[in-house]
C-alpha cells in the first residue's frame, strides 16, 4: 500500500493492512461473530485463513495499482492497532466519479469498544478526507439498530440525515440504514 500510517497517540495507530493481519481478523471474527454478524454480513461466518489472506492480498493489489494515495485513490483502508493488537478497521472510500463525495465504514472488536477508539479514528479520516482528498461531503451509514456505530457518527460530528434502504441483505432481509453526513464547509472538529 502506498500511503502512510496515522499515529493518533502513543498507543493508537491507523496503518495500512498487512498480510499478517489475516490471522488477527479471523480471531476477532471467531470471538465476535455473534456481535459483528448482527451488522456485517461478512462476519456471520468465520472464513478460512486462506480466504482471509486472499482477501487482504486482493485489496492490497487493487490499491497498489493506483497512482498513489493522494492522486486519484479511490480508498483509504486502515487497520486499527491499539498497542500491538489489531482491533478493527476503518475505510474512507470515494464514492463518485468527481471525487467529491466519500463514505466512511468501520468495525471494531467488542473488547475494544467504549474507549473512544473508533470516534478518534473517524475524526482522523474525516479530517483527511476534507483537508487532503478535498471531499465535499462524507457519509456514514449504519444499520438502524447498530447503536454503537450510530453513536460514533454522532460523536464524530456527523448529522443524522434520515433512513435509507441499502442494496444489502442481512439474513435474507433488506437492511434499512441510518444515514449521517458531514459537509466540508460546515464540519468542525468535535470537542
C-alpha atoms as a PDB file:
ATOM      1  CA  UNK A   1       0.000   0.000   0.000  1.00  0.00           C
ATOM      2  CA  UNK A   2       1.264   3.396  -0.929  1.00  0.00           C
ATOM      3  CA  UNK A   3       0.032   5.508   1.965  1.00  0.00           C
ATOM      4  CA  UNK A   4       1.307   6.303   5.429  1.00  0.00           C
ATOM      5  CA  UNK A   5       0.175   5.367   8.896  1.00  0.00           C
ATOM      6  CA  UNK A   6      -1.648   7.883  11.070  1.00  0.00           C
ATOM      7  CA  UNK A   7      -0.393   7.930  14.669  1.00  0.00           C
ATOM      8  CA  UNK A   8      -3.282   9.088  16.879  1.00  0.00           C
ATOM      9  CA  UNK A   9      -1.339   8.778  20.147  1.00  0.00           C
ATOM     10  CA  UNK A  10       1.443   6.648  21.617  1.00  0.00           C
ATOM     11  CA  UNK A  11      -0.858   3.589  21.765  1.00  0.00           C
ATOM     12  CA  UNK A  12      -3.259   4.011  18.825  1.00  0.00           C
ATOM     13  CA  UNK A  13      -2.299   3.917  15.161  1.00  0.00           C
ATOM     14  CA  UNK A  14      -4.164   3.648  11.861  1.00  0.00           C
ATOM     15  CA  UNK A  15      -1.908   1.759   9.448  1.00  0.00           C
ATOM     16  CA  UNK A  16      -2.130   0.099   6.059  1.00  0.00           C
ATOM     17  CA  UNK A  17      -3.174  -3.549   6.427  1.00  0.00           C
ATOM     18  CA  UNK A  18      -0.566  -6.279   6.008  1.00  0.00           C
ATOM     19  CA  UNK A  19      -0.857  -9.991   5.166  1.00  0.00           C
ATOM     20  CA  UNK A  20      -0.241 -10.955   8.775  1.00  0.00           C
ATOM     21  CA  UNK A  21      -3.482  -9.214   9.770  1.00  0.00           C
ATOM     22  CA  UNK A  22      -5.466 -12.130   8.332  1.00  0.00           C
ATOM     23  CA  UNK A  23      -4.984 -14.266  11.438  1.00  0.00           C
ATOM     24  CA  UNK A  24      -5.880 -11.409  13.797  1.00  0.00           C
ATOM     25  CA  UNK A  25      -9.061 -10.671  11.825  1.00  0.00           C
ATOM     26  CA  UNK A  26     -10.029 -14.351  11.941  1.00  0.00           C
ATOM     27  CA  UNK A  27      -9.527 -14.395  15.719  1.00  0.00           C
ATOM     28  CA  UNK A  28     -11.770 -11.341  16.095  1.00  0.00           C
ATOM     29  CA  UNK A  29     -14.470 -12.817  13.835  1.00  0.00           C
ATOM     30  CA  UNK A  30     -14.368 -16.134  15.713  1.00  0.00           C
ATOM     31  CA  UNK A  31     -14.652 -14.383  19.074  1.00  0.00           C
ATOM     32  CA  UNK A  32     -17.162 -11.720  17.945  1.00  0.00           C
ATOM     33  CA  UNK A  33     -19.155 -13.390  15.150  1.00  0.00           C
ATOM     34  CA  UNK A  34     -22.420 -13.201  17.102  1.00  0.00           C
ATOM     35  CA  UNK A  35     -21.911  -9.486  17.764  1.00  0.00           C
ATOM     36  CA  UNK A  36     -20.340  -8.356  14.468  1.00  0.00           C
ATOM     37  CA  UNK A  37     -22.575 -10.676  12.439  1.00  0.00           C
ATOM     38  CA  UNK A  38     -25.625  -8.699  13.567  1.00  0.00           C
ATOM     39  CA  UNK A  39     -24.477  -5.793  11.400  1.00  0.00           C
ATOM     40  CA  UNK A  40     -21.847  -7.086   8.955  1.00  0.00           C
ATOM     41  CA  UNK A  41     -22.668  -9.914   6.543  1.00  0.00           C
ATOM     42  CA  UNK A  42     -19.002 -10.887   6.171  1.00  0.00           C
ATOM     43  CA  UNK A  43     -18.740 -11.565   9.926  1.00  0.00           C
ATOM     44  CA  UNK A  44     -21.622 -14.038  10.161  1.00  0.00           C
ATOM     45  CA  UNK A  45     -19.282 -16.956   9.455  1.00  0.00           C
ATOM     46  CA  UNK A  46     -15.557 -17.371  10.035  1.00  0.00           C
ATOM     47  CA  UNK A  47     -13.644 -17.630   6.736  1.00  0.00           C
ATOM     48  CA  UNK A  48     -10.597 -19.813   6.336  1.00  0.00           C
ATOM     49  CA  UNK A  49      -7.154 -18.313   6.882  1.00  0.00           C
ATOM     50  CA  UNK A  50      -6.515 -18.836   3.173  1.00  0.00           C
ATOM     51  CA  UNK A  51      -9.686 -16.944   2.200  1.00  0.00           C
ATOM     52  CA  UNK A  52      -8.927 -14.051   4.588  1.00  0.00           C
ATOM     53  CA  UNK A  53      -5.321 -13.813   3.374  1.00  0.00           C
ATOM     54  CA  UNK A  54      -6.523 -13.875  -0.230  1.00  0.00           C
ATOM     55  CA  UNK A  55      -8.982 -11.054   0.530  1.00  0.00           C
ATOM     56  CA  UNK A  56      -6.267  -8.877   2.067  1.00  0.00           C
ATOM     57  CA  UNK A  57      -3.953  -9.699  -0.846  1.00  0.00           C
ATOM     58  CA  UNK A  58      -6.593  -8.722  -3.417  1.00  0.00           C
ATOM     59  CA  UNK A  59      -7.307  -5.440  -1.626  1.00  0.00           C
ATOM     60  CA  UNK A  60      -3.610  -4.638  -1.377  1.00  0.00           C
ATOM     61  CA  UNK A  61      -3.122  -5.434  -5.072  1.00  0.00           C
ATOM     62  CA  UNK A  62      -6.098  -3.264  -6.084  1.00  0.00           C
ATOM     63  CA  UNK A  63      -4.782  -0.318  -4.123  1.00  0.00           C
ATOM     64  CA  UNK A  64      -1.155  -0.667  -5.238  1.00  0.00           C
ATOM     65  CA  UNK A  65      -2.235  -0.314  -8.884  1.00  0.00           C
ATOM     66  CA  UNK A  66      -3.321   3.299  -8.433  1.00  0.00           C
ATOM     67  CA  UNK A  67      -1.100   6.357  -8.806  1.00  0.00           C
ATOM     68  CA  UNK A  68      -0.675   6.827  -5.070  1.00  0.00           C
ATOM     69  CA  UNK A  69      -2.577   7.938  -2.054  1.00  0.00           C
ATOM     70  CA  UNK A  70      -3.482  11.477  -2.993  1.00  0.00           C
ATOM     71  CA  UNK A  71      -3.507  11.176  -6.794  1.00  0.00           C
ATOM     72  CA  UNK A  72      -6.843   9.599  -7.680  1.00  0.00           C
ATOM     73  CA  UNK A  73      -7.089   6.919  -4.999  1.00  0.00           C
ATOM     74  CA  UNK A  74     -10.498   5.512  -4.503  1.00  0.00           C
ATOM     75  CA  UNK A  75      -9.980   4.176  -0.983  1.00  0.00           C
ATOM     76  CA  UNK A  76      -8.050   4.766   2.221  1.00  0.00           C
ATOM     77  CA  UNK A  77      -8.188   1.451   4.111  1.00  0.00           C
ATOM     78  CA  UNK A  78      -6.587   1.195   7.564  1.00  0.00           C
ATOM     79  CA  UNK A  79      -6.077  -1.437  10.213  1.00  0.00           C
ATOM     80  CA  UNK A  80      -6.726  -0.006  13.676  1.00  0.00           C
ATOM     81  CA  UNK A  81      -3.957  -1.058  16.040  1.00  0.00           C
ATOM     82  CA  UNK A  82      -4.059  -0.472  19.785  1.00  0.00           C
ATOM     83  CA  UNK A  83      -0.663  -1.144  21.329  1.00  0.00           C
ATOM     84  CA  UNK A  84       0.448  -4.163  19.302  1.00  0.00           C
ATOM     85  CA  UNK A  85      -3.030  -5.619  18.718  1.00  0.00           C
ATOM     86  CA  UNK A  86      -5.229  -5.241  15.647  1.00  0.00           C
ATOM     87  CA  UNK A  87      -8.667  -4.311  17.000  1.00  0.00           C
ATOM     88  CA  UNK A  88     -10.604  -3.170  13.913  1.00  0.00           C
ATOM     89  CA  UNK A  89     -10.552  -1.446  10.558  1.00  0.00           C
ATOM     90  CA  UNK A  90     -11.759   1.792   9.013  1.00  0.00           C
ATOM     91  CA  UNK A  91     -12.040   2.826   5.386  1.00  0.00           C
ATOM     92  CA  UNK A  92     -12.759   6.055   3.577  1.00  0.00           C
ATOM     93  CA  UNK A  93     -13.982   5.389   0.046  1.00  0.00           C
ATOM     94  CA  UNK A  94     -14.513   7.957  -2.697  1.00  0.00           C
ATOM     95  CA  UNK A  95     -17.987   7.071  -3.961  1.00  0.00           C
ATOM     96  CA  UNK A  96     -18.464   9.177  -7.087  1.00  0.00           C
ATOM     97  CA  UNK A  97     -16.565   9.942 -10.285  1.00  0.00           C
ATOM     98  CA  UNK A  98     -15.819  13.549  -9.464  1.00  0.00           C
ATOM     99  CA  UNK A  99     -14.078  12.518  -6.251  1.00  0.00           C
ATOM    100  CA  UNK A 100     -16.061  14.969  -4.171  1.00  0.00           C
ATOM    101  CA  UNK A 101     -18.151  12.521  -2.103  1.00  0.00           C
ATOM    102  CA  UNK A 102     -16.910   9.855   0.302  1.00  0.00           C
ATOM    103  CA  UNK A 103     -18.224   7.172   2.587  1.00  0.00           C
ATOM    104  CA  UNK A 104     -16.714   6.053   5.866  1.00  0.00           C
ATOM    105  CA  UNK A 105     -17.111   2.455   7.030  1.00  0.00           C
ATOM    106  CA  UNK A 106     -15.699   0.823  10.133  1.00  0.00           C
ATOM    107  CA  UNK A 107     -15.815  -2.075  12.577  1.00  0.00           C
ATOM    108  CA  UNK A 108     -14.260  -2.644  15.985  1.00  0.00           C
ATOM    109  CA  UNK A 109     -13.797  -5.722  18.155  1.00  0.00           C
ATOM    110  CA  UNK A 110     -16.244  -5.724  21.059  1.00  0.00           C
ATOM    111  CA  UNK A 111     -13.494  -5.837  23.711  1.00  0.00           C
ATOM    112  CA  UNK A 112     -12.090  -2.534  22.403  1.00  0.00           C
ATOM    113  CA  UNK A 113     -15.340  -0.570  22.375  1.00  0.00           C
ATOM    114  CA  UNK A 114     -16.177   2.186  24.821  1.00  0.00           C
ATOM    115  CA  UNK A 115     -12.692   3.759  24.749  1.00  0.00           C
ATOM    116  CA  UNK A 116     -13.184   6.354  22.003  1.00  0.00           C
ATOM    117  CA  UNK A 117     -11.009   4.399  19.563  1.00  0.00           C
ATOM    118  CA  UNK A 118     -13.457   4.464  16.684  1.00  0.00           C
ATOM    119  CA  UNK A 119     -14.599   8.027  17.268  1.00  0.00           C
ATOM    120  CA  UNK A 120     -10.991   9.257  17.154  1.00  0.00           C
ATOM    121  CA  UNK A 121     -10.332   7.137  14.052  1.00  0.00           C
ATOM    122  CA  UNK A 122     -13.438   8.502  12.315  1.00  0.00           C
ATOM    123  CA  UNK A 123     -12.450  12.085  13.134  1.00  0.00           C
ATOM    124  CA  UNK A 124      -8.933  11.498  11.769  1.00  0.00           C
ATOM    125  CA  UNK A 125     -10.208  10.086   8.468  1.00  0.00           C
ATOM    126  CA  UNK A 126     -12.870  12.752   8.143  1.00  0.00           C
ATOM    127  CA  UNK A 127     -10.193  15.418   8.563  1.00  0.00           C
ATOM    128  CA  UNK A 128      -8.046  13.635   5.965  1.00  0.00           C
ATOM    129  CA  UNK A 129     -10.990  13.400   3.571  1.00  0.00           C
ATOM    130  CA  UNK A 130     -11.719  17.107   3.737  1.00  0.00           C
ATOM    131  CA  UNK A 131      -8.186  18.513   4.000  1.00  0.00           C
ATOM    132  CA  UNK A 132      -6.203  16.185   1.762  1.00  0.00           C
ATOM    133  CA  UNK A 133      -8.683  14.426  -0.515  1.00  0.00           C
ATOM    134  CA  UNK A 134     -10.756  17.605  -0.935  1.00  0.00           C
ATOM    135  CA  UNK A 135     -14.077  15.823  -0.497  1.00  0.00           C
ATOM    136  CA  UNK A 136     -17.204  17.967  -0.187  1.00  0.00           C
ATOM    137  CA  UNK A 137     -19.261  15.503   1.845  1.00  0.00           C
ATOM    138  CA  UNK A 138     -18.614  12.253   3.692  1.00  0.00           C
ATOM    139  CA  UNK A 139     -21.382   9.818   4.599  1.00  0.00           C
ATOM    140  CA  UNK A 140     -21.648   7.145   7.283  1.00  0.00           C
ATOM    141  CA  UNK A 141     -24.407   4.527   7.002  1.00  0.00           C
ATOM    142  CA  UNK A 142     -25.212   2.296   9.964  1.00  0.00           C
ATOM    143  CA  UNK A 143     -27.986  -0.223  10.437  1.00  0.00           C
ATOM    144  CA  UNK A 144     -30.790   1.401  12.442  1.00  0.00           C
ATOM    145  CA  UNK A 145     -30.289  -0.920  15.415  1.00  0.00           C
ATOM    146  CA  UNK A 146     -26.488  -0.505  15.463  1.00  0.00           C
ATOM    147  CA  UNK A 147     -26.355   1.958  18.340  1.00  0.00           C
ATOM    148  CA  UNK A 148     -22.550   1.838  18.801  1.00  0.00           C
ATOM    149  CA  UNK A 149     -21.902   2.686  15.140  1.00  0.00           C
ATOM    150  CA  UNK A 150     -24.526   5.409  15.103  1.00  0.00           C
ATOM    151  CA  UNK A 151     -23.042   6.900  18.277  1.00  0.00           C
ATOM    152  CA  UNK A 152     -19.604   7.048  16.629  1.00  0.00           C
ATOM    153  CA  UNK A 153     -21.072   9.070  13.750  1.00  0.00           C
ATOM    154  CA  UNK A 154     -22.747  11.474  16.153  1.00  0.00           C
ATOM    155  CA  UNK A 155     -19.678  11.890  18.397  1.00  0.00           C
ATOM    156  CA  UNK A 156     -17.508  12.466  15.300  1.00  0.00           C
ATOM    157  CA  UNK A 157     -19.654  15.459  14.329  1.00  0.00           C
ATOM    158  CA  UNK A 158     -21.864  13.919  11.644  1.00  0.00           C
ATOM    159  CA  UNK A 159     -25.513  14.966  11.342  1.00  0.00           C
ATOM    160  CA  UNK A 160     -28.365  12.466  11.018  1.00  0.00           C
ATOM    161  CA  UNK A 161     -29.937  12.812   7.561  1.00  0.00           C
ATOM    162  CA  UNK A 162     -32.593  10.095   7.625  1.00  0.00           C
ATOM    163  CA  UNK A 163     -33.269   6.447   6.907  1.00  0.00           C
ATOM    164  CA  UNK A 164     -32.065   4.854   3.684  1.00  0.00           C
ATOM    165  CA  UNK A 165     -32.557   1.493   2.040  1.00  0.00           C
ATOM    166  CA  UNK A 166     -29.254  -0.118   1.031  1.00  0.00           C
ATOM    167  CA  UNK A 167     -28.612  -2.751  -1.600  1.00  0.00           C
ATOM    168  CA  UNK A 168     -27.713  -5.211   1.151  1.00  0.00           C
ATOM    169  CA  UNK A 169     -29.325  -8.203   2.840  1.00  0.00           C
ATOM    170  CA  UNK A 170     -28.841  -9.486   6.362  1.00  0.00           C
ATOM    171  CA  UNK A 171     -30.237 -12.968   6.926  1.00  0.00           C
ATOM    172  CA  UNK A 172     -32.283 -12.538   3.725  1.00  0.00           C
ATOM    173  CA  UNK A 173     -33.886  -9.300   4.954  1.00  0.00           C
ATOM    174  CA  UNK A 174     -33.289  -5.898   3.330  1.00  0.00           C
ATOM    175  CA  UNK A 175     -31.342  -3.517   5.513  1.00  0.00           C
ATOM    176  CA  UNK A 176     -32.510  -0.028   6.401  1.00  0.00           C
ATOM    177  CA  UNK A 177     -29.678   2.264   7.374  1.00  0.00           C
ATOM    178  CA  UNK A 178     -29.420   5.458   9.354  1.00  0.00           C
ATOM    179  CA  UNK A 179     -27.565   7.975   7.191  1.00  0.00           C
ATOM    180  CA  UNK A 180     -25.213  10.574   8.629  1.00  0.00           C
ATOM    181  CA  UNK A 181     -23.177  13.116   6.743  1.00  0.00           C
ATOM    182  CA  UNK A 182     -20.540  15.734   7.339  1.00  0.00           C
ATOM    183  CA  UNK A 183     -20.118  18.593   4.881  1.00  0.00           C
ATOM    184  CA  UNK A 184     -16.678  20.111   4.371  1.00  0.00           C
ATOM    185  CA  UNK A 185     -17.905  23.697   4.699  1.00  0.00           C
ATOM    186  CA  UNK A 186     -19.784  23.018   7.960  1.00  0.00           C
ATOM    187  CA  UNK A 187     -17.752  20.335   9.727  1.00  0.00           C
ATOM    188  CA  UNK A 188     -15.772  21.255  12.806  1.00  0.00           C
ATOM    189  CA  UNK A 189     -13.582  19.069  14.961  1.00  0.00           C
ATOM    190  CA  UNK A 190     -15.734  17.852  17.865  1.00  0.00           C
ATOM    191  CA  UNK A 191     -14.651  18.858  21.373  1.00  0.00           C
END
